Structures are given as structure tokens and as C-alpha cells.
């Protein structure tokens, strides 16, 4: 398999999607990928962040995580996105980042990137699938190749059985309800495997 360069690009206010991103990194490295974990720029005012202790603590704990740029998209053979749902859609922070990639798109540099996505919400039917599908719509415009997990491994059933991408419920205590670590790692490995076939033609 060709050496695959994977960018795991996430947005996380209190840490759930950051943890998913780190599991994806671990899974991808297990199959030999070169991985960058990157966050998108925060758009919320500092006062809003400071008003939520968990948000403030997570922002401070991840201050050294690099912010994603267009250069990272161009570098990557594959991209895994990890985002919470906001009213059944991609959060504005991630949406702005995607919208800023018009230059890459216009020059054909998003074509054939292998992409996959993960999401979270505060309850089991809080819009996780809709969020992933809305992100995939943008990826179709990019000319990217979507690597959904489908039902390619039994571990996916234990994680809730979402064929579009791993999704998780964040409980009132801030912890994940479902055990999705295995599903995330499988999704990352599958994304790298597919990317390896694309770049190794």
C-alpha cells in the first residue's frame, strides 16, 4: 500500500470530537498512515467560551493543536472530519473552513481526496446522521471520494450501527454514551486503505 497522508480535521467545544479525532489518528497510524490532527479556527467570542467551564477548559487544553489550513488539505491524500451537530448541520466553524477552500476547489486540488466523517450530539436522535450527510454534500462538490464505513465490520453494530460515519451521544455528564473507539479506528483504517488504493494506482 502506498504511504497515505491523512488529515484529521475537527471542531470540538468541550472535547468529544477531539477525542474522536485522536482515536482516528491512532487507528490510521496502526496501518502506517502519516497523520496530522488539526482543528478549525474558533469563531465564538471569548466571552461565550469563558461562560462555559467545560468549553473554556477544553480550549485551554488544546491551545497547542495546530489550526487547519488550505495547505493541509492540499497535502492530504485523505481527510477525516469530526464535528458536533448544530441544529442537524455542520457547525459554523467547520462550515467557514470548508467555504474558504474555493481556491483549492477551483484549481482542482480537492478532486479525488478520500474523505470520511464522524459526528456527535447531545441525544441519540440529535442530528448526527444529517450532519455527516450535509458534510458529504460539500465533498461531492469537491470531487472527493467518500469512504463511508457502511457495515464493513461487526464493531460498527456495537457503536450504534451508523453506516455514514461513526456517531456518538454525549451524555449530560459530558461523557460518551456509546463505546465507539473501535468503530472510529475501523473507520480510519478503512479510509486509509481506500486512499492507499487511490494514490497507489
Protein backbone atom coordinates (compact mmCIF):
# COMPACT_ATOMS: atom_id res chain seq x y z
CA UNK A 1 0.00 0.00 0.00
CA UNK A 2 1.22 3.50 -0.83
CA UNK A 3 2.15 5.73 2.10
CA UNK A 4 -1.04 7.65 2.85
CA UNK A 5 -1.12 11.17 4.27
CA UNK A 6 -4.20 11.69 6.43
CA UNK A 7 -5.51 14.95 7.87
CA UNK A 8 -7.96 14.54 10.75
CA UNK A 9 -9.75 17.87 10.87
CA UNK A 10 -12.12 18.54 13.75
CA UNK A 11 -14.12 21.10 15.64
CA UNK A 12 -14.83 20.49 19.32
CA UNK A 13 -16.13 22.81 22.00
CA UNK A 14 -15.91 20.54 25.03
CA UNK A 15 -13.74 17.66 23.81
CA UNK A 16 -15.87 14.85 22.39
CA UNK A 17 -14.89 15.36 18.76
CA UNK A 18 -11.30 15.97 19.74
CA UNK A 19 -11.27 12.54 21.38
CA UNK A 20 -12.81 11.00 18.24
CA UNK A 21 -10.09 12.70 16.19
CA UNK A 22 -7.36 11.23 18.41
CA UNK A 23 -8.83 7.73 18.08
CA UNK A 24 -8.90 8.18 14.30
CA UNK A 25 -5.26 9.22 14.43
CA UNK A 26 -4.38 6.09 16.41
CA UNK A 27 -6.27 3.79 14.05
CA UNK A 28 -4.69 5.33 10.96
CA UNK A 29 -1.19 5.09 12.41
CA UNK A 30 -1.75 1.39 13.09
CA UNK A 31 -1.91 0.87 9.32
CA UNK A 32 1.07 3.08 8.57
CA UNK A 33 -0.50 6.41 7.67
CA UNK A 34 1.22 9.74 8.24
CA UNK A 35 -1.30 11.73 10.27
CA UNK A 36 -1.93 15.35 11.19
CA UNK A 37 -4.63 16.21 13.76
CA UNK A 38 -5.86 19.73 13.12
CA UNK A 39 -8.61 21.96 14.49
CA UNK A 40 -10.55 24.57 12.56
CA UNK A 41 -10.43 28.16 13.84
CA UNK A 42 -12.84 29.10 16.61
CA UNK A 43 -15.41 31.75 15.71
CA UNK A 44 -17.20 32.12 19.03
CA UNK A 45 -16.36 35.20 21.12
CA UNK A 46 -14.10 34.65 24.10
CA UNK A 47 -16.91 35.74 26.42
CA UNK A 48 -19.06 32.82 25.24
CA UNK A 49 -16.20 30.38 25.74
CA UNK A 50 -15.44 31.76 29.20
CA UNK A 51 -19.09 31.42 30.23
CA UNK A 52 -18.93 27.61 29.87
CA UNK A 53 -16.33 26.00 32.16
CA UNK A 54 -16.03 22.82 30.05
CA UNK A 55 -15.61 24.81 26.83
CA UNK A 56 -13.02 27.09 28.43
CA UNK A 57 -11.08 24.15 29.87
CA UNK A 58 -11.03 22.31 26.55
CA UNK A 59 -9.95 25.42 24.63
CA UNK A 60 -7.04 25.89 27.01
CA UNK A 61 -6.07 22.19 26.96
CA UNK A 62 -5.90 22.12 23.15
CA UNK A 63 -4.34 25.53 22.58
CA UNK A 64 -1.28 23.90 21.02
CA UNK A 65 -3.21 21.87 18.43
CA UNK A 66 -2.42 23.38 15.02
CA UNK A 67 -5.19 25.04 13.04
CA UNK A 68 -6.06 23.51 9.68
CA UNK A 69 -5.16 25.44 6.53
CA UNK A 70 -5.64 25.04 2.79
CA UNK A 71 -2.08 23.73 2.64
CA UNK A 72 -3.12 20.83 4.86
CA UNK A 73 -5.97 19.94 2.52
CA UNK A 74 -3.61 20.02 -0.43
CA UNK A 75 -1.06 17.89 1.48
CA UNK A 76 -3.51 15.18 2.45
CA UNK A 77 -4.47 12.14 0.41
CA UNK A 78 -7.33 11.53 2.81
CA UNK A 79 -9.32 13.61 5.29
CA UNK A 80 -11.45 12.56 8.23
CA UNK A 81 -13.75 15.25 9.62
CA UNK A 82 -15.02 15.11 13.21
CA UNK A 83 -17.77 17.57 14.11
CA UNK A 84 -20.62 18.04 16.57
CA UNK A 85 -24.07 18.70 15.20
CA UNK A 86 -25.59 22.16 15.36
CA UNK A 87 -29.31 22.06 14.64
CA UNK A 88 -28.75 18.97 12.48
CA UNK A 89 -25.98 20.54 10.49
CA UNK A 90 -22.24 21.21 10.41
CA UNK A 91 -21.13 23.81 12.99
CA UNK A 92 -20.33 27.26 11.63
CA UNK A 93 -16.64 26.89 12.48
CA UNK A 94 -16.28 23.88 10.16
CA UNK A 95 -18.59 25.36 7.54
CA UNK A 96 -16.49 28.50 7.29
CA UNK A 97 -13.33 26.43 6.94
CA UNK A 98 -14.89 24.44 4.09
CA UNK A 99 -16.19 27.60 2.44
CA UNK A 100 -12.67 29.06 2.48
CA UNK A 101 -11.36 26.28 0.21
CA UNK A 102 -12.71 27.82 -3.01
CA UNK A 103 -9.20 28.40 -4.33
CA UNK A 104 -8.23 24.75 -3.93
CA UNK A 105 -11.55 23.62 -5.39
CA UNK A 106 -11.22 25.99 -8.34
CA UNK A 107 -7.78 24.66 -9.18
CA UNK A 108 -8.90 21.02 -8.96
CA UNK A 109 -6.88 20.26 -5.84
CA UNK A 110 -9.79 18.77 -3.90
CA UNK A 111 -10.50 16.16 -6.58
CA UNK A 112 -10.07 12.52 -5.50
CA UNK A 113 -9.32 13.32 -1.88
CA UNK A 114 -10.68 10.35 0.09
CA UNK A 115 -12.95 11.66 2.84
CA UNK A 116 -14.93 10.33 5.78
CA UNK A 117 -16.78 11.97 8.67
CA UNK A 118 -17.84 11.46 12.29
CA UNK A 119 -20.25 13.37 14.48
CA UNK A 120 -21.74 13.78 17.94
CA UNK A 121 -24.86 15.21 19.55
CA UNK A 122 -26.44 15.52 22.94
CA UNK A 123 -29.03 12.79 22.37
CA UNK A 124 -29.34 9.69 20.15
CA UNK A 125 -31.51 11.43 17.54
CA UNK A 126 -29.92 14.85 17.70
CA UNK A 127 -28.94 15.09 14.05
CA UNK A 128 -25.69 13.14 13.82
CA UNK A 129 -26.55 11.45 10.52
CA UNK A 130 -27.87 14.68 8.99
CA UNK A 131 -24.66 16.44 9.98
CA UNK A 132 -22.49 13.81 8.30
CA UNK A 133 -24.65 13.80 5.16
CA UNK A 134 -24.57 17.59 4.90
CA UNK A 135 -20.77 17.50 5.07
CA UNK A 136 -20.70 14.79 2.39
CA UNK A 137 -22.74 17.06 0.12
CA UNK A 138 -19.87 19.56 0.18
CA UNK A 139 -17.43 16.73 -0.51
CA UNK A 140 -19.37 15.76 -3.63
CA UNK A 141 -18.87 19.30 -4.89
CA UNK A 142 -15.16 18.92 -4.15
CA UNK A 143 -15.00 15.82 -6.36
CA UNK A 144 -13.85 13.87 -3.33
CA UNK A 145 -14.29 10.12 -2.84
CA UNK A 146 -16.48 9.36 0.18
CA UNK A 147 -15.30 6.43 2.29
CA UNK A 148 -18.30 5.66 4.49
CA UNK A 149 -17.87 2.78 6.93
CA UNK A 150 -21.07 1.08 5.81
CA UNK A 151 -21.42 -2.24 7.65
CA UNK A 152 -17.91 -3.45 6.95
CA UNK A 153 -17.10 -4.68 10.46
CA UNK A 154 -19.08 -6.05 13.43
CA UNK A 155 -17.63 -3.35 15.67
CA UNK A 156 -19.91 -0.84 13.96
CA UNK A 157 -23.04 -2.50 15.34
CA UNK A 158 -21.86 -2.16 18.91
CA UNK A 159 -21.26 1.54 18.29
CA UNK A 160 -24.81 2.16 17.10
CA UNK A 161 -24.60 0.93 13.52
CA UNK A 162 -24.35 4.26 11.67
CA UNK A 163 -23.26 3.39 8.09
CA UNK A 164 -22.49 7.02 7.16
CA UNK A 165 -19.81 7.58 9.80
CA UNK A 166 -19.26 6.95 13.48
CA UNK A 167 -21.57 8.98 15.68
CA UNK A 168 -21.83 9.25 19.42
CA UNK A 169 -24.14 10.66 22.06
CA UNK A 170 -22.59 12.97 24.62
CA UNK A 171 -24.34 12.46 27.95
CA UNK A 172 -25.29 15.15 30.44
CA UNK A 173 -22.13 14.32 32.35
CA UNK A 174 -20.02 15.20 29.29
CA UNK A 175 -19.02 11.58 28.68
CA UNK A 176 -19.79 9.49 25.62
CA UNK A 177 -22.75 7.15 25.99
CA UNK A 178 -21.77 4.60 23.33
CA UNK A 179 -18.43 2.80 23.10
CA UNK A 180 -17.23 3.99 19.70
CA UNK A 181 -13.44 3.80 19.95
CA UNK A 182 -13.28 0.58 17.92
CA UNK A 183 -15.66 1.93 15.28
CA UNK A 184 -13.63 5.11 14.92
CA UNK A 185 -10.39 3.18 14.49
CA UNK A 186 -12.01 0.87 11.95
CA UNK A 187 -13.36 3.86 10.00
CA UNK A 188 -9.91 5.45 9.98
CA UNK A 189 -8.24 2.25 8.78
CA UNK A 190 -10.85 1.84 6.04
CA UNK A 191 -10.34 5.45 4.92
CA UNK A 192 -6.56 4.93 4.75
CA UNK A 193 -6.97 1.64 2.89
CA UNK A 194 -9.18 3.23 0.24
CA UNK A 195 -6.84 6.21 -0.06
CA UNK A 196 -3.94 3.81 -0.49
CA UNK A 197 -5.68 2.26 -3.49
CA UNK A 198 -6.30 5.70 -4.99
CA UNK A 199 -2.80 7.09 -4.56
CA UNK A 200 -1.09 3.79 -5.30
CA UNK A 201 -2.65 3.21 -8.70
